[in-house]
Amino acid sequence: MVKLVFPISEFDQEYSIIADHFGRAPFFAVVEVSEDGRIISVEAKENTSEHFGGTGHPPEIIAGFNPDFMVVKGMGPRAINMFQERGIRVFMCDAISIAEAVKLFMKGKLGDAEPCEEHRHGHEHEY
């Protein structure tokens, strides 16, 4: 079994839409996937980071879910480094839903995360 985390805009089990930018996503979906690619469980966790009036950075909070991998559409360099320091590999995907992204993951079609274009050009946020 493998555990993936996705930033999502609203929760709808495996049909949840992956948020465009992970740190600003209101929820994170913790997804357990069997070795043969079946989605075993999907659990929504509220983003309680400083972006939403809480404390801590999103990578710190997500590390507490003990994921094997993080799957995102975009992420800044500081956040990528924070995940790497915790031994969590970050993948990029263009999939719309969790179900679609899991299929791509199982086929080995996701690439390693690189900072999104916004961050390379001095965009204001880091997560």
Protein backbone atom coordinates (compact mmCIF):
# COMPACT_ATOMS: atom_id res chain seq x y z
CA MET A 1 0.00 0.00 0.00
CA VAL A 2 1.12 3.55 -0.72
CA LYS A 3 -0.12 6.80 0.80
CA LEU A 4 -0.48 9.87 -1.42
CA VAL A 5 -1.53 13.39 -0.42
CA PHE A 6 -3.24 15.82 -2.79
CA PRO A 7 -4.26 19.46 -2.28
CA ILE A 8 -7.97 19.70 -3.08
CA SER A 9 -10.47 22.53 -3.43
CA GLU A 10 -13.42 20.55 -2.07
CA PHE A 11 -13.92 16.97 -0.92
CA ASP A 12 -15.68 14.45 -3.16
CA GLN A 13 -13.83 11.20 -2.40
CA GLU A 14 -11.70 10.07 -5.38
CA TYR A 15 -13.50 12.60 -7.58
CA SER A 16 -12.11 15.52 -5.58
CA ILE A 17 -10.60 18.19 -7.82
CA ILE A 18 -6.86 18.76 -7.35
CA ALA A 19 -6.22 22.40 -6.40
CA ASP A 20 -3.99 24.46 -8.66
CA HIS A 21 -1.69 25.55 -5.85
CA PHE A 22 -1.11 23.29 -2.92
CA GLY A 23 -0.48 25.76 -0.07
CA ARG A 24 -3.68 27.69 -0.75
CA ALA A 25 -5.88 24.58 -0.98
CA PRO A 26 -8.53 24.50 1.77
CA PHE A 27 -8.15 20.71 2.14
CA PHE A 28 -5.65 17.92 1.68
CA ALA A 29 -6.81 14.45 0.64
CA VAL A 30 -4.92 11.54 2.15
CA VAL A 31 -5.31 8.63 -0.26
CA GLU A 32 -4.32 5.03 0.36
CA VAL A 33 -3.74 3.01 -2.81
CA SER A 34 -3.26 -0.76 -3.06
CA GLU A 35 -0.33 -2.29 -4.92
CA ASP A 36 -2.63 -3.04 -7.86
CA GLY A 37 -3.81 0.60 -8.09
CA ARG A 38 -7.16 0.39 -6.30
CA ILE A 39 -8.06 3.37 -4.13
CA ILE A 40 -8.61 1.93 -0.66
CA SER A 41 -9.51 5.12 1.20
CA VAL A 42 -9.73 8.88 0.75
CA GLU A 43 -9.78 11.13 3.81
CA ALA A 44 -10.04 14.92 3.78
CA LYS A 45 -7.93 16.95 6.17
CA GLU A 46 -8.52 20.67 6.62
CA ASN A 47 -5.62 22.97 5.79
CA THR A 48 -4.93 24.45 9.23
CA SER A 49 -1.73 26.20 8.18
CA GLU A 50 -0.93 29.87 8.63
CA HIS A 51 -2.54 30.48 5.21
CA PHE A 52 -5.91 29.80 6.83
CA GLY A 53 -5.36 31.46 10.19
CA GLY A 54 -3.72 28.48 11.86
CA THR A 55 -0.10 27.75 12.58
CA GLY A 56 2.72 26.09 10.69
CA HIS A 57 3.53 25.65 7.05
CA PRO A 58 1.62 23.19 4.85
CA PRO A 59 4.62 20.81 4.41
CA GLU A 60 4.96 20.53 8.19
CA ILE A 61 1.28 19.69 8.58
CA ILE A 62 1.27 17.20 5.69
CA ALA A 63 4.36 15.43 7.06
CA GLY A 64 2.20 14.56 10.07
CA PHE A 65 -0.03 12.46 7.78
CA ASN A 66 3.01 10.22 7.07
CA PRO A 67 2.63 10.21 3.28
CA ASP A 68 4.86 8.35 0.89
CA PHE A 69 4.33 10.97 -1.83
CA MET A 70 2.81 14.41 -2.39
CA VAL A 71 1.08 15.03 -5.75
CA VAL A 72 0.54 18.65 -6.85
CA LYS A 73 -0.07 20.89 -9.84
CA GLY A 74 2.26 23.63 -8.63
CA MET A 75 4.60 24.30 -5.72
CA GLY A 76 7.28 26.79 -4.75
CA PRO A 77 10.94 25.89 -4.23
CA ARG A 78 10.88 26.36 -0.47
CA ALA A 79 7.99 23.93 -0.05
CA ILE A 80 9.63 21.38 -2.35
CA ASN A 81 12.76 21.59 -0.20
CA MET A 82 10.74 21.18 3.00
CA PHE A 83 9.20 17.97 1.66
CA GLN A 84 12.55 16.66 0.43
CA GLU A 85 14.08 17.31 3.86
CA ARG A 86 11.36 15.08 5.33
CA GLY A 87 11.96 12.32 2.79
CA ILE A 88 8.69 12.94 0.94
CA ARG A 89 8.96 12.86 -2.84
CA VAL A 90 6.82 15.42 -4.67
CA PHE A 91 5.26 14.65 -8.04
CA MET A 92 3.69 17.06 -10.51
CA CYS A 93 0.54 16.24 -12.44
CA ASP A 94 -1.94 17.90 -14.75
CA ALA A 95 -4.78 15.57 -13.78
CA ILE A 96 -8.08 17.10 -12.74
CA SER A 97 -9.23 14.53 -10.17
CA ILE A 98 -7.57 12.28 -7.63
CA ALA A 99 -8.80 9.19 -9.51
CA GLU A 100 -7.14 10.36 -12.72
CA ALA A 101 -3.88 11.23 -10.91
CA VAL A 102 -3.75 7.84 -9.17
CA LYS A 103 -4.00 6.09 -12.56
CA LEU A 104 -1.11 8.21 -13.87
CA PHE A 105 0.90 7.55 -10.70
CA MET A 106 0.45 3.80 -11.02
CA LYS A 107 1.60 3.92 -14.66
CA GLY A 108 4.72 5.90 -13.66
CA LYS A 109 3.56 8.91 -15.67
CA LEU A 110 4.12 11.64 -13.03
CA GLY A 111 7.26 13.76 -13.05
CA ASP A 112 9.24 15.07 -10.12
CA ALA A 113 8.18 18.48 -8.87
CA GLU A 114 9.86 21.61 -10.08
CA PRO A 115 8.95 25.08 -8.81
CA CYS A 116 6.00 26.52 -10.67
CA GLU A 117 6.62 29.38 -13.10
CA GLU A 118 5.03 31.92 -10.76
CA HIS A 119 7.72 31.24 -8.18
CA ARG A 120 10.59 31.47 -10.60
CA HIS A 121 9.57 35.02 -11.42
CA GLY A 122 9.33 36.45 -7.92
CA HIS A 123 5.66 35.69 -7.24
CA GLU A 124 4.69 36.67 -3.71
CA HIS A 125 3.91 33.34 -2.03
CA GLU A 126 6.22 30.46 -1.21
CA TYR A 127 3.79 27.60 -0.47
